[in-house]
Amino acid sequence: MKKVGLFFGSYNPIHIGHLVIANHLVEYTDLDEIWLVVTPHNPFKKKATLLADHHRFALVQRAVEDYPKLQASDIEFKLPQPNYTINTLIHLSEKYPNIDFSLIMGEDNLNTFHKWKNHEAILEHYSIYVYPRLALLEENVSILQNHPKITYTQAPVIEISSTMIRNAIAAGKNIQPLLPEKVWQYLDEMNFYK
């Protein structure tokens, strides 16, 4: 059975940090593929800085073009909003019965995972791959730390944020090294975040 890790994010924009983590996990764990799932704009949140869903999806598609084990996914665009991770997992498991899906999340998310809707059901049916976050290297005290469904990975710790990138672009800084080439070209052509 093919193993696919789901790496959710707003990807606003996707940057090399996302790719480093996704590529590391697909190369150094038992995952066969990683799908970067672009989360849609939450209709209840005002996010002036959030690019339209189709633009963020196009950026992720461009970013993963040269990585055969990474895929862009817009599956959540087609689900009722507001959406919860458990609904996406159930939908994907029904649509692709021959794929074993797992979640990928940062340690910071794991520490609040017990507050997620149906988190027990997620843990019962799906594995979780956790990548380290610098802020938590000191005080990692997740109550789920030793759960059998949770795998800690030694992915590189990347401290690049999409917020930092948006702010830098708005300030006229050259942040080209932090973005995949095709992503940088698209943002530049479309004058996004300026």
N, C-alpha and C. Protein backbone atom coordinates (compact mmCIF):
# COMPACT_ATOMS: atom_id res chain seq x y z
N MET A 1 0.85 -1.20 0.00
CA MET A 1 0.00 0.00 0.00
C MET A 1 0.89 1.25 0.00
N LYS A 2 0.55 2.17 -0.90
CA LYS A 2 1.34 3.41 -1.00
C LYS A 2 1.09 4.28 0.24
N LYS A 3 2.18 4.84 0.78
CA LYS A 3 2.07 5.73 1.95
C LYS A 3 2.26 7.17 1.51
N VAL A 4 1.25 8.00 1.83
CA VAL A 4 1.28 9.41 1.44
C VAL A 4 1.16 10.28 2.68
N GLY A 5 2.09 11.21 2.83
CA GLY A 5 2.03 12.18 3.91
C GLY A 5 1.33 13.44 3.44
N LEU A 6 0.44 13.97 4.25
CA LEU A 6 -0.29 15.20 3.92
C LEU A 6 0.30 16.36 4.71
N PHE A 7 0.81 17.33 3.98
CA PHE A 7 1.48 18.49 4.57
C PHE A 7 0.58 19.70 4.29
N PHE A 8 -0.26 20.06 5.27
CA PHE A 8 -1.23 21.14 5.11
C PHE A 8 -0.57 22.50 5.33
N GLY A 9 -1.06 23.50 4.61
CA GLY A 9 -0.56 24.85 4.84
C GLY A 9 -1.31 25.86 4.01
N SER A 10 -1.23 27.14 4.42
CA SER A 10 -1.83 28.18 3.58
C SER A 10 -0.88 28.50 2.42
N TYR A 11 0.42 28.19 2.61
CA TYR A 11 1.42 28.41 1.56
C TYR A 11 1.27 29.80 0.93
N ASN A 12 1.43 30.80 1.78
CA ASN A 12 1.15 32.18 1.38
C ASN A 12 2.38 33.09 1.57
N PRO A 13 3.46 32.88 0.79
CA PRO A 13 3.64 31.88 -0.28
C PRO A 13 4.43 30.66 0.22
N ILE A 14 4.47 29.62 -0.62
CA ILE A 14 5.34 28.48 -0.35
C ILE A 14 6.79 28.97 -0.46
N HIS A 15 7.68 28.44 0.38
CA HIS A 15 9.09 28.86 0.33
C HIS A 15 10.00 27.64 0.46
N ILE A 16 11.29 27.86 0.39
CA ILE A 16 12.22 26.72 0.39
C ILE A 16 12.16 25.93 1.69
N GLY A 17 11.77 26.57 2.79
CA GLY A 17 11.61 25.85 4.06
C GLY A 17 10.61 24.72 3.94
N HIS A 18 9.47 25.00 3.30
CA HIS A 18 8.45 23.97 3.09
C HIS A 18 9.02 22.81 2.27
N LEU A 19 9.76 23.16 1.21
CA LEU A 19 10.31 22.13 0.33
C LEU A 19 11.38 21.30 1.02
N VAL A 20 12.22 21.95 1.82
CA VAL A 20 13.27 21.22 2.54
C VAL A 20 12.64 20.18 3.46
N ILE A 21 11.60 20.57 4.21
CA ILE A 21 10.94 19.65 5.14
C ILE A 21 10.24 18.52 4.38
N ALA A 22 9.45 18.87 3.35
CA ALA A 22 8.72 17.85 2.59
C ALA A 22 9.68 16.87 1.94
N ASN A 23 10.73 17.39 1.31
CA ASN A 23 11.69 16.53 0.63
C ASN A 23 12.44 15.63 1.62
N HIS A 24 12.81 16.19 2.78
CA HIS A 24 13.50 15.40 3.80
C HIS A 24 12.62 14.22 4.24
N LEU A 25 11.35 14.52 4.51
CA LEU A 25 10.44 13.48 5.00
C LEU A 25 10.20 12.39 3.97
N VAL A 26 10.11 12.77 2.71
CA VAL A 26 9.84 11.75 1.68
C VAL A 26 11.10 10.91 1.40
N GLU A 27 12.27 11.48 1.65
CA GLU A 27 13.52 10.75 1.42
C GLU A 27 13.98 9.93 2.63
N TYR A 28 13.64 10.37 3.84
CA TYR A 28 14.20 9.74 5.04
C TYR A 28 13.18 9.03 5.94
N THR A 29 11.93 8.90 5.47
CA THR A 29 10.94 8.12 6.22
C THR A 29 10.39 7.06 5.27
N ASP A 30 9.39 6.32 5.74
CA ASP A 30 8.79 5.29 4.88
C ASP A 30 7.68 5.85 3.98
N LEU A 31 7.54 7.19 3.92
CA LEU A 31 6.53 7.78 3.05
C LEU A 31 6.98 7.70 1.59
N ASP A 32 6.05 7.35 0.71
CA ASP A 32 6.36 7.24 -0.73
C ASP A 32 6.18 8.58 -1.44
N GLU A 33 5.22 9.35 -0.96
CA GLU A 33 4.92 10.65 -1.57
C GLU A 33 4.47 11.61 -0.49
N ILE A 34 4.58 12.90 -0.78
CA ILE A 34 4.00 13.92 0.10
C ILE A 34 3.14 14.83 -0.75
N TRP A 35 1.91 15.04 -0.28
CA TRP A 35 1.00 15.96 -0.94
C TRP A 35 0.96 17.23 -0.11
N LEU A 36 1.29 18.36 -0.74
CA LEU A 36 1.21 19.65 -0.08
C LEU A 36 -0.20 20.18 -0.29
N VAL A 37 -1.00 20.12 0.77
CA VAL A 37 -2.42 20.44 0.69
C VAL A 37 -2.61 21.92 1.01
N VAL A 38 -3.05 22.67 0.00
CA VAL A 38 -3.27 24.11 0.17
C VAL A 38 -4.62 24.31 0.86
N THR A 39 -4.58 24.96 2.04
CA THR A 39 -5.83 25.17 2.77
C THR A 39 -6.54 26.41 2.23
N PRO A 40 -7.84 26.29 2.01
CA PRO A 40 -8.57 27.43 1.44
C PRO A 40 -8.71 28.57 2.44
N HIS A 41 -9.03 29.72 1.90
CA HIS A 41 -9.29 30.91 2.73
C HIS A 41 -10.48 30.59 3.63
N ASN A 42 -10.30 30.75 4.93
CA ASN A 42 -11.40 30.56 5.86
C ASN A 42 -12.37 31.74 5.71
N PRO A 43 -13.62 31.46 5.33
CA PRO A 43 -14.56 32.56 5.06
C PRO A 43 -14.85 33.41 6.29
N PHE A 44 -14.53 32.89 7.50
CA PHE A 44 -14.81 33.64 8.71
C PHE A 44 -13.63 34.50 9.15
N LYS A 45 -12.53 34.40 8.44
CA LYS A 45 -11.35 35.18 8.80
C LYS A 45 -11.10 36.25 7.76
N LYS A 46 -10.81 37.45 8.22
CA LYS A 46 -10.41 38.51 7.29
C LYS A 46 -8.91 38.43 7.13
N LYS A 47 -8.48 38.12 5.92
CA LYS A 47 -7.04 38.00 5.69
C LYS A 47 -6.70 38.78 4.43
N ALA A 48 -6.41 40.05 4.59
CA ALA A 48 -6.11 40.89 3.42
C ALA A 48 -4.84 40.42 2.72
N THR A 49 -3.92 39.81 3.49
CA THR A 49 -2.64 39.41 2.89
C THR A 49 -2.69 38.04 2.24
N LEU A 50 -3.82 37.33 2.36
CA LEU A 50 -3.90 35.98 1.82
C LEU A 50 -4.23 36.03 0.33
N LEU A 51 -3.33 35.48 -0.48
CA LEU A 51 -3.61 35.42 -1.93
C LEU A 51 -4.79 34.51 -2.19
N ALA A 52 -5.45 34.72 -3.31
CA ALA A 52 -6.58 33.87 -3.70
C ALA A 52 -6.12 32.41 -3.75
N ASP A 53 -7.05 31.51 -3.44
CA ASP A 53 -6.75 30.07 -3.39
C ASP A 53 -6.03 29.59 -4.65
N HIS A 54 -6.54 29.96 -5.82
CA HIS A 54 -5.96 29.42 -7.06
C HIS A 54 -4.53 29.91 -7.28
N HIS A 55 -4.22 31.11 -6.81
CA HIS A 55 -2.84 31.60 -6.93
C HIS A 55 -1.89 30.82 -6.01
N ARG A 56 -2.33 30.57 -4.78
CA ARG A 56 -1.48 29.83 -3.85
C ARG A 56 -1.27 28.40 -4.33
N PHE A 57 -2.32 27.81 -4.91
CA PHE A 57 -2.20 26.47 -5.47
C PHE A 57 -1.23 26.47 -6.66
N ALA A 58 -1.34 27.48 -7.52
CA ALA A 58 -0.44 27.60 -8.68
C ALA A 58 1.02 27.72 -8.22
N LEU A 59 1.25 28.45 -7.14
CA LEU A 59 2.61 28.60 -6.60
C LEU A 59 3.15 27.25 -6.11
N VAL A 60 2.31 26.49 -5.41
CA VAL A 60 2.75 25.18 -4.91
C VAL A 60 3.02 24.24 -6.09
N GLN A 61 2.16 24.27 -7.10
CA GLN A 61 2.39 23.44 -8.30
C GLN A 61 3.75 23.74 -8.92
N ARG A 62 4.06 25.03 -9.06
CA ARG A 62 5.35 25.43 -9.63
C ARG A 62 6.51 24.97 -8.75
N ALA A 63 6.33 25.09 -7.44
CA ALA A 63 7.40 24.75 -6.50
C ALA A 63 7.76 23.27 -6.54
N VAL A 64 6.78 22.40 -6.77
CA VAL A 64 7.04 20.95 -6.70
C VAL A 64 7.28 20.30 -8.07
N GLU A 65 7.21 21.10 -9.12
CA GLU A 65 7.36 20.58 -10.49
C GLU A 65 8.55 19.64 -10.65
N ASP A 66 9.69 19.98 -10.04
CA ASP A 66 10.90 19.20 -10.25
C ASP A 66 11.11 18.11 -9.20
N TYR A 67 10.10 17.86 -8.37
CA TYR A 67 10.20 16.84 -7.32
C TYR A 67 9.12 15.78 -7.54
N PRO A 68 9.48 14.67 -8.17
CA PRO A 68 8.47 13.66 -8.52
C PRO A 68 7.72 13.07 -7.32
N LYS A 69 8.31 13.11 -6.12
CA LYS A 69 7.64 12.52 -4.96
C LYS A 69 6.78 13.54 -4.20
N LEU A 70 6.76 14.79 -4.68
CA LEU A 70 5.94 15.83 -4.04
C LEU A 70 4.84 16.25 -5.00
N GLN A 71 3.63 16.47 -4.45
CA GLN A 71 2.49 16.86 -5.28
C GLN A 71 1.74 18.01 -4.63
N ALA A 72 1.20 18.88 -5.45
CA ALA A 72 0.31 19.93 -4.95
C ALA A 72 -1.10 19.36 -4.90
N SER A 73 -1.85 19.69 -3.85
CA SER A 73 -3.23 19.22 -3.74
C SER A 73 -4.17 20.37 -3.39
N ASP A 74 -5.28 20.43 -4.13
CA ASP A 74 -6.31 21.45 -3.84
C ASP A 74 -7.58 20.77 -3.32
N ILE A 75 -7.42 19.57 -2.76
CA ILE A 75 -8.56 18.76 -2.33
C ILE A 75 -9.50 19.53 -1.39
N GLU A 76 -8.93 20.38 -0.54
CA GLU A 76 -9.79 21.08 0.44
C GLU A 76 -10.63 22.18 -0.20
N PHE A 77 -10.26 22.63 -1.40
CA PHE A 77 -11.06 23.66 -2.08
C PHE A 77 -12.46 23.13 -2.39
N LYS A 78 -12.55 21.80 -2.54
CA LYS A 78 -13.81 21.19 -2.99
C LYS A 78 -14.67 20.73 -1.82
N LEU A 79 -14.19 20.91 -0.59
CA LEU A 79 -14.94 20.44 0.58
C LEU A 79 -15.68 21.61 1.23
N PRO A 80 -16.80 21.31 1.92
CA PRO A 80 -17.56 22.39 2.57
C PRO A 80 -16.70 23.12 3.61
N GLN A 81 -16.93 24.43 3.73
CA GLN A 81 -16.18 25.26 4.68
C GLN A 81 -17.08 25.66 5.84
N PRO A 82 -16.55 25.94 7.03
CA PRO A 82 -15.15 25.72 7.39
C PRO A 82 -14.87 24.23 7.48
N ASN A 83 -13.67 23.84 7.14
CA ASN A 83 -13.35 22.42 7.08
C ASN A 83 -12.42 22.02 8.22
N TYR A 84 -12.52 20.77 8.62
CA TYR A 84 -11.64 20.23 9.66
C TYR A 84 -10.79 19.12 9.05
N THR A 85 -9.58 18.96 9.58
CA THR A 85 -8.64 17.97 9.06
C THR A 85 -9.26 16.57 9.02
N ILE A 86 -10.03 16.21 10.04
CA ILE A 86 -10.63 14.87 10.08
C ILE A 86 -11.50 14.64 8.84
N ASN A 87 -12.25 15.68 8.41
CA ASN A 87 -13.12 15.55 7.22
C ASN A 87 -12.30 15.31 5.96
N THR A 88 -11.19 16.03 5.85
CA THR A 88 -10.31 15.86 4.69
C THR A 88 -9.73 14.45 4.67
N LEU A 89 -9.29 13.97 5.82
CA LEU A 89 -8.71 12.62 5.91
C LEU A 89 -9.73 11.56 5.52
N ILE A 90 -10.95 11.68 6.03
CA ILE A 90 -12.00 10.71 5.69
C ILE A 90 -12.31 10.76 4.20
N HIS A 91 -12.43 11.98 3.66
CA HIS A 91 -12.71 12.15 2.24
C HIS A 91 -11.63 11.49 1.38
N LEU A 92 -10.36 11.75 1.71
CA LEU A 92 -9.25 11.18 0.94
C LEU A 92 -9.18 9.66 1.06
N SER A 93 -9.42 9.15 2.26
CA SER A 93 -9.38 7.70 2.48
C SER A 93 -10.48 6.99 1.69
N GLU A 94 -11.64 7.64 1.55
CA GLU A 94 -12.73 7.06 0.76
C GLU A 94 -12.42 7.15 -0.74
N LYS A 95 -11.84 8.27 -1.14
CA LYS A 95 -11.54 8.49 -2.56
C LYS A 95 -10.38 7.62 -3.05
N TYR A 96 -9.40 7.39 -2.16
CA TYR A 96 -8.20 6.60 -2.52
C TYR A 96 -8.02 5.47 -1.50
N PRO A 97 -8.85 4.41 -1.61
CA PRO A 97 -8.79 3.33 -0.61
C PRO A 97 -7.45 2.57 -0.61
N ASN A 98 -6.67 2.69 -1.66
CA ASN A 98 -5.40 1.98 -1.73
C ASN A 98 -4.21 2.81 -1.25
N ILE A 99 -4.50 3.96 -0.64
CA ILE A 99 -3.41 4.79 -0.11
C ILE A 99 -3.55 4.89 1.40
N ASP A 100 -2.42 4.75 2.07
CA ASP A 100 -2.35 4.90 3.52
C ASP A 100 -1.90 6.34 3.80
N PHE A 101 -2.83 7.18 4.28
CA PHE A 101 -2.52 8.60 4.51
C PHE A 101 -2.00 8.84 5.92
N SER A 102 -1.06 9.78 6.03
CA SER A 102 -0.53 10.23 7.32
C SER A 102 -0.55 11.76 7.33
N LEU A 103 -0.43 12.32 8.53
CA LEU A 103 -0.35 13.77 8.68
C LEU A 103 1.09 14.17 8.94
N ILE A 104 1.45 15.34 8.45
CA ILE A 104 2.77 15.90 8.74
C ILE A 104 2.52 17.20 9.49
N MET A 105 3.19 17.39 10.61
CA MET A 105 3.00 18.65 11.33
C MET A 105 4.26 19.03 12.11
N GLY A 106 4.37 20.32 12.37
CA GLY A 106 5.47 20.81 13.20
C GLY A 106 5.18 20.52 14.67
N GLU A 107 6.26 20.46 15.46
CA GLU A 107 6.11 20.21 16.90
C GLU A 107 5.17 21.20 17.56
N ASP A 108 5.18 22.45 17.07
CA ASP A 108 4.30 23.47 17.66
C ASP A 108 2.84 23.07 17.52
N ASN A 109 2.48 22.49 16.36
CA ASN A 109 1.09 22.03 16.16
C ASN A 109 0.77 20.81 17.01
N LEU A 110 1.75 19.94 17.19
CA LEU A 110 1.50 18.75 18.01
C LEU A 110 1.13 19.14 19.44
N ASN A 111 1.73 20.21 19.93
CA ASN A 111 1.45 20.63 21.30
C ASN A 111 0.02 21.11 21.51
N THR A 112 -0.67 21.49 20.42
CA THR A 112 -2.07 21.91 20.55
C THR A 112 -3.01 20.91 19.88
N PHE A 113 -2.46 19.80 19.43
CA PHE A 113 -3.24 18.80 18.68
C PHE A 113 -4.43 18.26 19.48
N HIS A 114 -4.27 18.14 20.79
CA HIS A 114 -5.37 17.61 21.61
C HIS A 114 -6.60 18.51 21.59
N LYS A 115 -6.47 19.74 21.05
CA LYS A 115 -7.62 20.65 20.94
C LYS A 115 -8.32 20.53 19.58
N TRP A 116 -7.74 19.74 18.66
CA TRP A 116 -8.33 19.60 17.34
C TRP A 116 -9.63 18.81 17.41
N LYS A 117 -10.54 19.11 16.47
CA LYS A 117 -11.79 18.36 16.37
C LYS A 117 -11.46 16.90 16.04
N ASN A 118 -12.04 15.99 16.81
CA ASN A 118 -11.87 14.54 16.62
C ASN A 118 -10.41 14.08 16.60
N HIS A 119 -9.56 14.70 17.43
CA HIS A 119 -8.15 14.33 17.41
C HIS A 119 -7.93 12.85 17.77
N GLU A 120 -8.82 12.29 18.63
CA GLU A 120 -8.68 10.87 18.99
C GLU A 120 -8.90 9.99 17.76
N ALA A 121 -9.89 10.34 16.95
CA ALA A 121 -10.18 9.56 15.74
C ALA A 121 -9.02 9.65 14.74
N ILE A 122 -8.42 10.84 14.65
CA ILE A 122 -7.25 10.99 13.76
C ILE A 122 -6.14 10.05 14.23
N LEU A 123 -5.85 10.08 15.52
CA LEU A 123 -4.76 9.24 16.05
C LEU A 123 -5.07 7.75 15.95
N GLU A 124 -6.34 7.42 15.99
CA GLU A 124 -6.71 6.00 15.91
C GLU A 124 -6.46 5.44 14.51
N HIS A 125 -6.70 6.28 13.49
CA HIS A 125 -6.67 5.78 12.11
C HIS A 125 -5.49 6.25 11.27
N TYR A 126 -4.76 7.26 11.73
CA TYR A 126 -3.69 7.85 10.91
C TYR A 126 -2.42 8.05 11.73
N SER A 127 -1.29 7.91 11.07
CA SER A 127 -0.01 8.20 11.71
C SER A 127 0.29 9.69 11.55
N ILE A 128 1.16 10.20 12.43
CA ILE A 128 1.57 11.60 12.35
C ILE A 128 3.09 11.65 12.34
N TYR A 129 3.64 12.38 11.39
CA TYR A 129 5.08 12.60 11.31
C TYR A 129 5.33 14.03 11.76
N VAL A 130 6.20 14.18 12.75
CA VAL A 130 6.44 15.49 13.36
C VAL A 130 7.84 15.97 13.02
N TYR A 131 7.92 17.22 12.56
CA TYR A 131 9.24 17.81 12.30
C TYR A 131 9.53 18.85 13.38
N PRO A 132 10.82 19.01 13.74
CA PRO A 132 11.18 19.90 14.85
C PRO A 132 11.02 21.38 14.51
N ARG A 133 10.71 22.16 15.52
CA ARG A 133 10.66 23.62 15.40
C ARG A 133 11.61 24.20 16.44
N LEU A 134 12.39 25.18 16.04
CA LEU A 134 13.41 25.76 16.90
C LEU A 134 12.85 26.22 18.24
N ALA A 135 11.72 26.89 18.18
CA ALA A 135 11.12 27.45 19.39
C ALA A 135 10.84 26.37 20.43
N LEU A 136 10.70 25.12 19.97
CA LEU A 136 10.31 24.06 20.89
C LEU A 136 11.43 23.09 21.22
N LEU A 137 12.61 23.29 20.66
CA LEU A 137 13.69 22.34 20.92
C LEU A 137 14.01 22.29 22.42
N GLU A 138 13.82 23.42 23.11
CA GLU A 138 14.14 23.49 24.54
C GLU A 138 13.09 22.77 25.39
N GLU A 139 11.82 23.07 25.12
CA GLU A 139 10.76 22.66 26.06
C GLU A 139 9.70 21.83 25.37
N ASN A 140 10.12 20.75 24.73
CA ASN A 140 9.14 19.93 24.04
C ASN A 140 8.43 19.03 25.04
N VAL A 141 7.22 19.39 25.37
CA VAL A 141 6.50 18.63 26.38
C VAL A 141 5.10 18.25 25.90
N SER A 142 5.01 17.73 24.69
CA SER A 142 3.71 17.34 24.20
C SER A 142 3.21 16.15 25.01
N ILE A 143 1.92 16.18 25.34
CA ILE A 143 1.34 15.06 26.08
C ILE A 143 1.27 13.81 25.20
N LEU A 144 1.47 14.00 23.90
CA LEU A 144 1.40 12.86 22.97
C LEU A 144 2.79 12.36 22.58
N GLN A 145 3.79 12.85 23.26
CA GLN A 145 5.18 12.59 22.88
C GLN A 145 5.49 11.12 22.59
N ASN A 146 4.97 10.21 23.43
CA ASN A 146 5.33 8.80 23.27
C ASN A 146 4.22 7.96 22.65
N HIS A 147 3.29 8.63 21.97
CA HIS A 147 2.18 7.91 21.33
C HIS A 147 2.71 7.04 20.19
N PRO A 148 2.22 5.79 20.10
CA PRO A 148 2.73 4.87 19.06
C PRO A 148 2.48 5.33 17.61
N LYS A 149 1.49 6.19 17.39
CA LYS A 149 1.18 6.64 16.03
C LYS A 149 2.00 7.87 15.63
N ILE A 150 2.84 8.36 16.55
CA ILE A 150 3.59 9.59 16.27
C ILE A 150 5.06 9.28 16.06
N THR A 151 5.58 9.74 14.92
CA THR A 151 6.99 9.54 14.58
C THR A 151 7.68 10.90 14.56
N TYR A 152 8.70 11.04 15.39
CA TYR A 152 9.51 12.27 15.37
C TYR A 152 10.58 12.12 14.29
N THR A 153 10.76 13.13 13.48
CA THR A 153 11.76 13.05 12.42
C THR A 153 12.89 14.02 12.71
N GLN A 154 14.01 13.77 12.08
CA GLN A 154 15.18 14.63 12.24
C GLN A 154 15.29 15.62 11.09
N ALA A 155 14.15 16.10 10.60
CA ALA A 155 14.17 17.06 9.51
C ALA A 155 14.94 18.31 9.94
N PRO A 156 15.61 18.97 9.00
CA PRO A 156 16.32 20.20 9.35
C PRO A 156 15.36 21.23 9.94
N VAL A 157 15.84 21.98 10.92
CA VAL A 157 15.02 23.04 11.52
C VAL A 157 15.14 24.28 10.64
N ILE A 158 14.03 24.69 10.07
CA ILE A 158 14.02 25.82 9.14
C ILE A 158 13.23 26.96 9.77
N GLU A 159 13.87 28.08 9.95
CA GLU A 159 13.16 29.22 10.54
C GLU A 159 12.92 30.30 9.48
N ILE A 160 12.12 29.95 8.49
CA ILE A 160 11.70 30.93 7.48
C ILE A 160 10.19 30.95 7.58
N SER A 161 9.59 32.12 7.60
CA SER A 161 8.13 32.14 7.63
C SER A 161 7.59 32.89 6.42
N SER A 162 6.40 32.51 6.02
CA SER A 162 5.74 33.20 4.90
C SER A 162 5.49 34.66 5.26
N THR A 163 5.20 34.93 6.54
CA THR A 163 4.97 36.31 6.99
C THR A 163 6.22 37.16 6.75
N MET A 164 7.37 36.60 7.14
CA MET A 164 8.64 37.31 6.94
C MET A 164 8.85 37.61 5.45
N ILE A 165 8.54 36.64 4.60
CA ILE A 165 8.71 36.81 3.16
C ILE A 165 7.78 37.90 2.62
N ARG A 166 6.51 37.87 3.04
CA ARG A 166 5.56 38.90 2.59
C ARG A 166 6.02 40.29 3.02
N ASN A 167 6.45 40.40 4.27
CA ASN A 167 6.91 41.70 4.78
C ASN A 167 8.14 42.19 4.02
N ALA A 168 9.06 41.27 3.73
CA ALA A 168 10.28 41.64 3.01
C ALA A 168 9.95 42.12 1.59
N ILE A 169 9.04 41.42 0.92
CA ILE A 169 8.65 41.83 -0.44
C ILE A 169 8.01 43.21 -0.39
N ALA A 170 7.12 43.42 0.59
CA ALA A 170 6.45 44.72 0.73
C ALA A 170 7.47 45.83 0.98
N ALA A 171 8.57 45.49 1.66
CA ALA A 171 9.60 46.50 1.97
C ALA A 171 10.63 46.64 0.85
N GLY A 172 10.40 45.91 -0.26
CA GLY A 172 11.30 46.02 -1.41
C GLY A 172 12.61 45.28 -1.26
N LYS A 173 12.67 44.31 -0.36
CA LYS A 173 13.90 43.53 -0.15
C LYS A 173 13.98 42.41 -1.18
N ASN A 174 15.20 42.00 -1.50
CA ASN A 174 15.39 40.86 -2.40
C ASN A 174 15.46 39.59 -1.55
N ILE A 175 14.42 38.77 -1.62
CA ILE A 175 14.39 37.53 -0.85
C ILE A 175 14.40 36.33 -1.80
N GLN A 176 14.88 36.54 -3.00
CA GLN A 176 14.89 35.50 -4.03
C GLN A 176 15.47 34.16 -3.55
N PRO A 177 16.57 34.14 -2.75
CA PRO A 177 17.11 32.84 -2.33
C PRO A 177 16.16 32.02 -1.45
N LEU A 178 15.13 32.64 -0.87
CA LEU A 178 14.23 31.93 0.04
C LEU A 178 13.06 31.26 -0.68
N LEU A 179 12.96 31.51 -1.98
CA LEU A 179 11.82 30.99 -2.74
C LEU A 179 12.32 30.13 -3.90
N PRO A 180 11.57 29.05 -4.21
CA PRO A 180 11.90 28.33 -5.45
C PRO A 180 11.83 29.32 -6.63
N GLU A 181 12.73 29.16 -7.58
CA GLU A 181 12.86 30.10 -8.71
C GLU A 181 11.51 30.40 -9.38
N LYS A 182 10.74 29.35 -9.68
CA LYS A 182 9.46 29.54 -10.40
C LYS A 182 8.43 30.27 -9.53
N VAL A 183 8.52 30.10 -8.22
CA VAL A 183 7.62 30.81 -7.30
C VAL A 183 7.99 32.29 -7.28
N TRP A 184 9.28 32.56 -7.19
CA TRP A 184 9.74 33.94 -7.19
C TRP A 184 9.30 34.65 -8.48
N GLN A 185 9.46 33.99 -9.62
CA GLN A 185 9.08 34.59 -10.91
C GLN A 185 7.59 34.92 -10.94
N TYR A 186 6.76 33.99 -10.46
CA TYR A 186 5.32 34.19 -10.46
C TYR A 186 4.93 35.37 -9.57
N LEU A 187 5.49 35.41 -8.36
CA LEU A 187 5.18 36.51 -7.44
C LEU A 187 5.60 37.85 -8.04
N ASP A 188 6.77 37.84 -8.68
CA ASP A 188 7.32 39.06 -9.27
C ASP A 188 6.45 39.52 -10.43
N GLU A 189 6.10 38.59 -11.31
CA GLU A 189 5.25 38.93 -12.48
C GLU A 189 3.91 39.49 -12.06
N MET A 190 3.32 38.88 -11.02
CA MET A 190 1.97 39.26 -10.60
C MET A 190 1.99 40.45 -9.62
N ASN A 191 3.20 40.89 -9.26
CA ASN A 191 3.32 41.99 -8.28
C ASN A 191 2.66 41.69 -6.95
N PHE A 192 2.70 40.43 -6.51
CA PHE A 192 2.07 40.06 -5.25
C PHE A 192 2.86 40.56 -4.06
N TYR A 193 2.15 40.92 -3.01
CA TYR A 193 2.66 41.34 -1.69
C TYR A 193 3.39 42.70 -1.74
N LYS A 194 3.44 43.35 -2.89
CA LYS A 194 4.20 44.61 -2.98
C LYS A 194 3.36 45.77 -2.46
